[in-house]
Amino acid sequence: MGSLFSPKMPAPPAPPPIPETPTVSEEEKARIAKEQADMERRRKGRKSTILTGPLGLETEETTEKKTLLGG
């Protein structure tokens, strides 16, 4: 058991240095922002045309459960 904590073990090697993060140019940032705005505009246009869900109109009148008294 004493051999587990003996000072004879060599130190582990140092980890490799962390690579630098890639930089994005201003032109690339502008292109990405434009693409995201275009995708959002397309999603918004499509979503605004779908007014019902897969079950039809889901308003309070159609989803309200009947009570025992019929009201």
PDB file of N, CA and C in Angstrom:
ATOM      1  N   MET A   1       0.829  -1.187   0.000  1.00  0.00           N
ATOM      2  CA  MET A   1       0.000   0.000   0.000  1.00  0.00           C
ATOM      3  C   MET A   1       0.875   1.253   0.000  1.00  0.00           C
ATOM      4  N   GLY A   2       2.016   1.159   0.613  1.00  0.00           N
ATOM      5  CA  GLY A   2       2.906   2.312   0.673  1.00  0.00           C
ATOM      6  C   GLY A   2       3.472   2.682  -0.683  1.00  0.00           C
ATOM      7  N   SER A   3       3.485   1.725  -1.620  1.00  0.00           N
ATOM      8  CA  SER A   3       4.046   2.029  -2.936  1.00  0.00           C
ATOM      9  C   SER A   3       3.136   2.930  -3.757  1.00  0.00           C
ATOM     10  N   LEU A   4       1.854   3.026  -3.381  1.00  0.00           N
ATOM     11  CA  LEU A   4       0.947   3.918  -4.109  1.00  0.00           C
ATOM     12  C   LEU A   4       1.303   5.380  -3.915  1.00  0.00           C
ATOM     13  N   PHE A   5       1.829   5.703  -2.757  1.00  0.00           N
ATOM     14  CA  PHE A   5       2.096   7.105  -2.437  1.00  0.00           C
ATOM     15  C   PHE A   5       3.582   7.430  -2.415  1.00  0.00           C
ATOM     16  N   SER A   6       4.386   6.598  -2.991  1.00  0.00           N
ATOM     17  CA  SER A   6       5.825   6.840  -2.953  1.00  0.00           C
ATOM     18  C   SER A   6       6.196   7.962  -3.914  1.00  0.00           C
ATOM     19  N   PRO A   7       7.206   8.720  -3.604  1.00  0.00           N
ATOM     20  CA  PRO A   7       7.633   9.829  -4.476  1.00  0.00           C
ATOM     21  C   PRO A   7       8.410   9.356  -5.696  1.00  0.00           C
ATOM     22  N   LYS A   8       8.512   8.053  -5.920  1.00  0.00           N
ATOM     23  CA  LYS A   8       9.288   7.526  -7.038  1.00  0.00           C
ATOM     24  C   LYS A   8       8.547   7.622  -8.369  1.00  0.00           C
ATOM     25  N   MET A   9       7.234   7.865  -8.340  1.00  0.00           N
ATOM     26  CA  MET A   9       6.469   7.938  -9.586  1.00  0.00           C
ATOM     27  C   MET A   9       6.784   9.243 -10.313  1.00  0.00           C
ATOM     28  N   PRO A  10       7.006   9.170 -11.625  1.00  0.00           N
ATOM     29  CA  PRO A  10       7.275  10.411 -12.377  1.00  0.00           C
ATOM     30  C   PRO A  10       5.994  11.235 -12.527  1.00  0.00           C
ATOM     31  N   ALA A  11       6.180  12.511 -12.690  1.00  0.00           N
ATOM     32  CA  ALA A  11       5.039  13.418 -12.879  1.00  0.00           C
ATOM     33  C   ALA A  11       4.430  13.174 -14.260  1.00  0.00           C
ATOM     34  N   PRO A  12       3.123  13.284 -14.389  1.00  0.00           N
ATOM     35  CA  PRO A  12       2.504  13.091 -15.710  1.00  0.00           C
ATOM     36  C   PRO A  12       2.932  14.207 -16.663  1.00  0.00           C
ATOM     37  N   PRO A  13       2.965  13.907 -17.950  1.00  0.00           N
ATOM     38  CA  PRO A  13       3.387  14.949 -18.906  1.00  0.00           C
ATOM     39  C   PRO A  13       2.351  16.074 -18.970  1.00  0.00           C
ATOM     40  N   ALA A  14       2.815  17.246 -19.306  1.00  0.00           N
ATOM     41  CA  ALA A  14       1.936  18.418 -19.416  1.00  0.00           C
ATOM     42  C   ALA A  14       1.018  18.236 -20.623  1.00  0.00           C
ATOM     43  N   PRO A  15      -0.247  18.682 -20.533  1.00  0.00           N
ATOM     44  CA  PRO A  15      -1.156  18.561 -21.682  1.00  0.00           C
ATOM     45  C   PRO A  15      -0.705  19.481 -22.811  1.00  0.00           C
ATOM     46  N   PRO A  16      -1.091  19.153 -24.031  1.00  0.00           N
ATOM     47  CA  PRO A  16      -0.698  20.020 -25.147  1.00  0.00           C
ATOM     48  C   PRO A  16      -1.383  21.382 -25.024  1.00  0.00           C
ATOM     49  N   PRO A  17      -0.778  22.416 -25.579  1.00  0.00           N
ATOM     50  CA  PRO A  17      -1.397  23.752 -25.491  1.00  0.00           C
ATOM     51  C   PRO A  17      -2.736  23.776 -26.239  1.00  0.00           C
ATOM     52  N   ILE A  18      -3.628  24.624 -25.774  1.00  0.00           N
ATOM     53  CA  ILE A  18      -4.944  24.765 -26.382  1.00  0.00           C
ATOM     54  C   ILE A  18      -4.802  25.532 -27.693  1.00  0.00           C
ATOM     55  N   PRO A  19      -5.385  25.009 -28.784  1.00  0.00           N
ATOM     56  CA  PRO A  19      -5.287  25.739 -30.053  1.00  0.00           C
ATOM     57  C   PRO A  19      -6.100  27.028 -29.995  1.00  0.00           C
ATOM     58  N   GLU A  20      -5.673  27.986 -30.771  1.00  0.00           N
ATOM     59  CA  GLU A  20      -6.369  29.266 -30.810  1.00  0.00           C
ATOM     60  C   GLU A  20      -7.734  29.094 -31.477  1.00  0.00           C
ATOM     61  N   THR A  21      -8.709  29.861 -31.003  1.00  0.00           N
ATOM     62  CA  THR A  21     -10.032  29.800 -31.609  1.00  0.00           C
ATOM     63  C   THR A  21      -9.996  30.508 -32.955  1.00  0.00           C
ATOM     64  N   PRO A  22     -10.733  29.985 -33.923  1.00  0.00           N
ATOM     65  CA  PRO A  22     -10.735  30.632 -35.227  1.00  0.00           C
ATOM     66  C   PRO A  22     -11.423  31.996 -35.149  1.00  0.00           C
ATOM     67  N   THR A  23     -10.909  32.925 -35.872  1.00  0.00           N
ATOM     68  CA  THR A  23     -11.507  34.261 -35.892  1.00  0.00           C
ATOM     69  C   THR A  23     -12.436  34.378 -37.101  1.00  0.00           C
ATOM     70  N   VAL A  24     -13.464  35.187 -36.942  1.00  0.00           N
ATOM     71  CA  VAL A  24     -14.436  35.401 -38.005  1.00  0.00           C
ATOM     72  C   VAL A  24     -14.315  36.854 -38.453  1.00  0.00           C
ATOM     73  N   SER A  25     -14.203  37.043 -39.746  1.00  0.00           N
ATOM     74  CA  SER A  25     -14.069  38.399 -40.269  1.00  0.00           C
ATOM     75  C   SER A  25     -15.409  39.119 -40.203  1.00  0.00           C
ATOM     76  N   GLU A  26     -15.373  40.411 -40.342  1.00  0.00           N
ATOM     77  CA  GLU A  26     -16.586  41.231 -40.309  1.00  0.00           C
ATOM     78  C   GLU A  26     -17.516  40.875 -41.473  1.00  0.00           C
ATOM     79  N   GLU A  27     -16.932  40.588 -42.644  1.00  0.00           N
ATOM     80  CA  GLU A  27     -17.746  40.210 -43.797  1.00  0.00           C
ATOM     81  C   GLU A  27     -18.479  38.899 -43.517  1.00  0.00           C
ATOM     82  N   GLU A  28     -17.778  37.954 -42.876  1.00  0.00           N
ATOM     83  CA  GLU A  28     -18.386  36.669 -42.550  1.00  0.00           C
ATOM     84  C   GLU A  28     -19.509  36.851 -41.532  1.00  0.00           C
ATOM     85  N   LYS A  29     -19.302  37.707 -40.537  1.00  0.00           N
ATOM     86  CA  LYS A  29     -20.342  37.983 -39.533  1.00  0.00           C
ATOM     87  C   LYS A  29     -21.570  38.591 -40.192  1.00  0.00           C
ATOM     88  N   ALA A  30     -21.359  39.519 -41.136  1.00  0.00           N
ATOM     89  CA  ALA A  30     -22.477  40.158 -41.831  1.00  0.00           C
ATOM     90  C   ALA A  30     -23.235  39.141 -42.683  1.00  0.00           C
ATOM     91  N   ARG A  31     -22.517  38.227 -43.344  1.00  0.00           N
ATOM     92  CA  ARG A  31     -23.151  37.204 -44.163  1.00  0.00           C
ATOM     93  C   ARG A  31     -23.988  36.267 -43.309  1.00  0.00           C
ATOM     94  N   ILE A  32     -23.455  35.853 -42.157  1.00  0.00           N
ATOM     95  CA  ILE A  32     -24.178  34.955 -41.256  1.00  0.00           C
ATOM     96  C   ILE A  32     -25.429  35.645 -40.718  1.00  0.00           C
ATOM     97  N   ALA A  33     -25.306  36.913 -40.334  1.00  0.00           N
ATOM     98  CA  ALA A  33     -26.455  37.656 -39.821  1.00  0.00           C
ATOM     99  C   ALA A  33     -27.540  37.783 -40.891  1.00  0.00           C
ATOM    100  N   LYS A  34     -27.135  38.018 -42.143  1.00  0.00           N
ATOM    101  CA  LYS A  34     -28.104  38.132 -43.234  1.00  0.00           C
ATOM    102  C   LYS A  34     -28.803  36.799 -43.478  1.00  0.00           C
ATOM    103  N   GLU A  35     -28.048  35.703 -43.449  1.00  0.00           N
ATOM    104  CA  GLU A  35     -28.650  34.379 -43.641  1.00  0.00           C
ATOM    105  C   GLU A  35     -29.648  34.067 -42.527  1.00  0.00           C
ATOM    106  N   GLN A  36     -29.307  34.403 -41.294  1.00  0.00           N
ATOM    107  CA  GLN A  36     -30.211  34.145 -40.176  1.00  0.00           C
ATOM    108  C   GLN A  36     -31.468  35.000 -40.282  1.00  0.00           C
ATOM    109  N   ALA A  37     -31.317  36.245 -40.702  1.00  0.00           N
ATOM    110  CA  ALA A  37     -32.486  37.112 -40.873  1.00  0.00           C
ATOM    111  C   ALA A  37     -33.385  36.580 -41.984  1.00  0.00           C
ATOM    112  N   ASP A  38     -32.785  36.087 -43.068  1.00  0.00           N
ATOM    113  CA  ASP A  38     -33.577  35.512 -44.165  1.00  0.00           C
ATOM    114  C   ASP A  38     -34.335  34.273 -43.700  1.00  0.00           C
ATOM    115  N   MET A  39     -33.671  33.401 -42.940  1.00  0.00           N
ATOM    116  CA  MET A  39     -34.334  32.191 -42.439  1.00  0.00           C
ATOM    117  C   MET A  39     -35.484  32.557 -41.506  1.00  0.00           C
ATOM    118  N   GLU A  40     -35.272  33.550 -40.643  1.00  0.00           N
ATOM    119  CA  GLU A  40     -36.318  33.973 -39.712  1.00  0.00           C
ATOM    120  C   GLU A  40     -37.508  34.564 -40.468  1.00  0.00           C
ATOM    121  N   ARG A  41     -37.235  35.328 -41.510  1.00  0.00           N
ATOM    122  CA  ARG A  41     -38.304  35.926 -42.304  1.00  0.00           C
ATOM    123  C   ARG A  41     -39.114  34.846 -43.013  1.00  0.00           C
ATOM    124  N   ARG A  42     -38.424  33.820 -43.551  1.00  0.00           N
ATOM    125  CA  ARG A  42     -39.137  32.723 -44.214  1.00  0.00           C
ATOM    126  C   ARG A  42     -39.980  31.941 -43.215  1.00  0.00           C
ATOM    127  N   ARG A  43     -39.457  31.688 -42.027  1.00  0.00           N
ATOM    128  CA  ARG A  43     -40.221  30.968 -41.008  1.00  0.00           C
ATOM    129  C   ARG A  43     -41.444  31.769 -40.578  1.00  0.00           C
ATOM    130  N   LYS A  44     -41.250  33.049 -40.405  1.00  0.00           N
ATOM    131  CA  LYS A  44     -42.343  33.904 -39.960  1.00  0.00           C
ATOM    132  C   LYS A  44     -43.448  33.943 -41.005  1.00  0.00           C
ATOM    133  N   GLY A  45     -43.102  34.024 -42.274  1.00  0.00           N
ATOM    134  CA  GLY A  45     -44.089  34.065 -43.336  1.00  0.00           C
ATOM    135  C   GLY A  45     -44.879  32.779 -43.410  1.00  0.00           C
ATOM    136  N   ARG A  46     -44.231  31.661 -43.274  1.00  0.00           N
ATOM    137  CA  ARG A  46     -44.919  30.366 -43.328  1.00  0.00           C
ATOM    138  C   ARG A  46     -45.789  30.174 -42.097  1.00  0.00           C
ATOM    139  N   LYS A  47     -45.292  30.554 -40.944  1.00  0.00           N
ATOM    140  CA  LYS A  47     -46.036  30.356 -39.711  1.00  0.00           C
ATOM    141  C   LYS A  47     -47.294  31.224 -39.675  1.00  0.00           C
ATOM    142  N   SER A  48     -47.241  32.378 -40.280  1.00  0.00           N
ATOM    143  CA  SER A  48     -48.397  33.261 -40.230  1.00  0.00           C
ATOM    144  C   SER A  48     -49.542  32.759 -41.093  1.00  0.00           C
ATOM    145  N   THR A  49     -49.270  31.850 -42.049  1.00  0.00           N
ATOM    146  CA  THR A  49     -50.338  31.348 -42.904  1.00  0.00           C
ATOM    147  C   THR A  49     -51.056  30.147 -42.300  1.00  0.00           C
ATOM    148  N   ILE A  50     -50.446  29.486 -41.339  1.00  0.00           N
ATOM    149  CA  ILE A  50     -51.067  28.320 -40.713  1.00  0.00           C
ATOM    150  C   ILE A  50     -51.827  28.803 -39.483  1.00  0.00           C
ATOM    151  N   LEU A  51     -53.145  28.811 -39.586  1.00  0.00           N
ATOM    152  CA  LEU A  51     -53.956  29.351 -38.508  1.00  0.00           C
ATOM    153  C   LEU A  51     -54.594  28.271 -37.653  1.00  0.00           C
ATOM    154  N   THR A  52     -54.521  27.026 -38.075  1.00  0.00           N
ATOM    155  CA  THR A  52     -55.098  25.942 -37.293  1.00  0.00           C
ATOM    156  C   THR A  52     -54.030  24.897 -37.015  1.00  0.00           C
ATOM    157  N   GLY A  53     -54.275  24.098 -36.008  1.00  0.00           N
ATOM    158  CA  GLY A  53     -53.390  23.003 -35.680  1.00  0.00           C
ATOM    159  C   GLY A  53     -53.847  21.728 -36.359  1.00  0.00           C
ATOM    160  N   PRO A  54     -53.211  20.608 -36.064  1.00  0.00           N
ATOM    161  CA  PRO A  54     -53.615  19.349 -36.692  1.00  0.00           C
ATOM    162  C   PRO A  54     -55.005  18.886 -36.260  1.00  0.00           C
ATOM    163  N   LEU A  55     -55.541  19.431 -35.159  1.00  0.00           N
ATOM    164  CA  LEU A  55     -56.877  19.065 -34.697  1.00  0.00           C
ATOM    165  C   LEU A  55     -57.944  20.060 -35.129  1.00  0.00           C
ATOM    166  N   GLY A  56     -57.604  20.992 -35.980  1.00  0.00           N
ATOM    167  CA  GLY A  56     -58.549  22.004 -36.423  1.00  0.00           C
ATOM    168  C   GLY A  56     -58.468  23.228 -35.525  1.00  0.00           C
ATOM    169  N   LEU A  57     -59.563  23.948 -35.434  1.00  0.00           N
ATOM    170  CA  LEU A  57     -59.604  25.131 -34.588  1.00  0.00           C
ATOM    171  C   LEU A  57     -59.521  24.725 -33.131  1.00  0.00           C
ATOM    172  N   GLU A  58     -58.639  25.332 -32.398  1.00  0.00           N
ATOM    173  CA  GLU A  58     -58.496  25.019 -30.992  1.00  0.00           C
ATOM    174  C   GLU A  58     -58.830  26.256 -30.172  1.00  0.00           C
ATOM    175  N   THR A  59     -60.065  26.619 -30.175  1.00  0.00           N
ATOM    176  CA  THR A  59     -60.500  27.760 -29.394  1.00  0.00           C
ATOM    177  C   THR A  59     -61.167  27.256 -28.126  1.00  0.00           C
ATOM    178  N   GLU A  60     -61.487  28.147 -27.248  1.00  0.00           N
ATOM    179  CA  GLU A  60     -62.107  27.760 -25.985  1.00  0.00           C
ATOM    180  C   GLU A  60     -63.465  27.094 -26.216  1.00  0.00           C
ATOM    181  N   GLU A  61     -64.195  27.545 -27.236  1.00  0.00           N
ATOM    182  CA  GLU A  61     -65.515  26.974 -27.508  1.00  0.00           C
ATOM    183  C   GLU A  61     -65.405  25.518 -27.963  1.00  0.00           C
ATOM    184  N   THR A  62     -64.366  25.195 -28.720  1.00  0.00           N
ATOM    185  CA  THR A  62     -64.258  23.830 -29.240  1.00  0.00           C
ATOM    186  C   THR A  62     -63.522  22.901 -28.288  1.00  0.00           C
ATOM    187  N   THR A  63     -62.726  23.413 -27.376  1.00  0.00           N
ATOM    188  CA  THR A  63     -61.970  22.547 -26.475  1.00  0.00           C
ATOM    189  C   THR A  63     -62.551  22.489 -25.077  1.00  0.00           C
ATOM    190  N   GLU A  64     -63.560  23.287 -24.785  1.00  0.00           N
ATOM    191  CA  GLU A  64     -64.157  23.295 -23.460  1.00  0.00           C
ATOM    192  C   GLU A  64     -64.947  22.013 -23.270  1.00  0.00           C
ATOM    193  N   LYS A  65     -64.734  21.348 -22.163  1.00  0.00           N
ATOM    194  CA  LYS A  65     -65.408  20.073 -21.895  1.00  0.00           C
ATOM    195  C   LYS A  65     -66.821  20.347 -21.357  1.00  0.00           C
ATOM    196  N   LYS A  66     -67.724  19.457 -21.695  1.00  0.00           N
ATOM    197  CA  LYS A  66     -69.095  19.557 -21.214  1.00  0.00           C
ATOM    198  C   LYS A  66     -69.124  19.226 -19.726  1.00  0.00           C
ATOM    199  N   THR A  67     -70.034  19.850 -19.016  1.00  0.00           N
ATOM    200  CA  THR A  67     -70.198  19.560 -17.604  1.00  0.00           C
ATOM    201  C   THR A  67     -71.393  18.639 -17.419  1.00  0.00           C
ATOM    202  N   LEU A  68     -71.574  18.165 -16.237  1.00  0.00           N
ATOM    203  CA  LEU A  68     -72.661  17.248 -15.946  1.00  0.00           C
ATOM    204  C   LEU A  68     -74.019  17.897 -16.186  1.00  0.00           C
ATOM    205  N   LEU A  69     -74.090  19.220 -15.980  1.00  0.00           N
ATOM    206  CA  LEU A  69     -75.357  19.907 -16.133  1.00  0.00           C
ATOM    207  C   LEU A  69     -75.583  20.411 -17.559  1.00  0.00           C
ATOM    208  N   GLY A  70     -74.671  20.115 -18.464  1.00  0.00           N
ATOM    209  CA  GLY A  70     -74.850  20.508 -19.861  1.00  0.00           C
ATOM    210  C   GLY A  70     -74.432  21.935 -20.149  1.00  0.00           C
ATOM    211  N   GLY A  71     -73.870  22.622 -19.204  1.00  0.00           N
ATOM    212  CA  GLY A  71     -73.511  24.018 -19.395  1.00  0.00           C
ATOM    213  C   GLY A  71     -72.123  24.136 -19.771  1.00  0.00           C
TER     214      GLY A  71
END
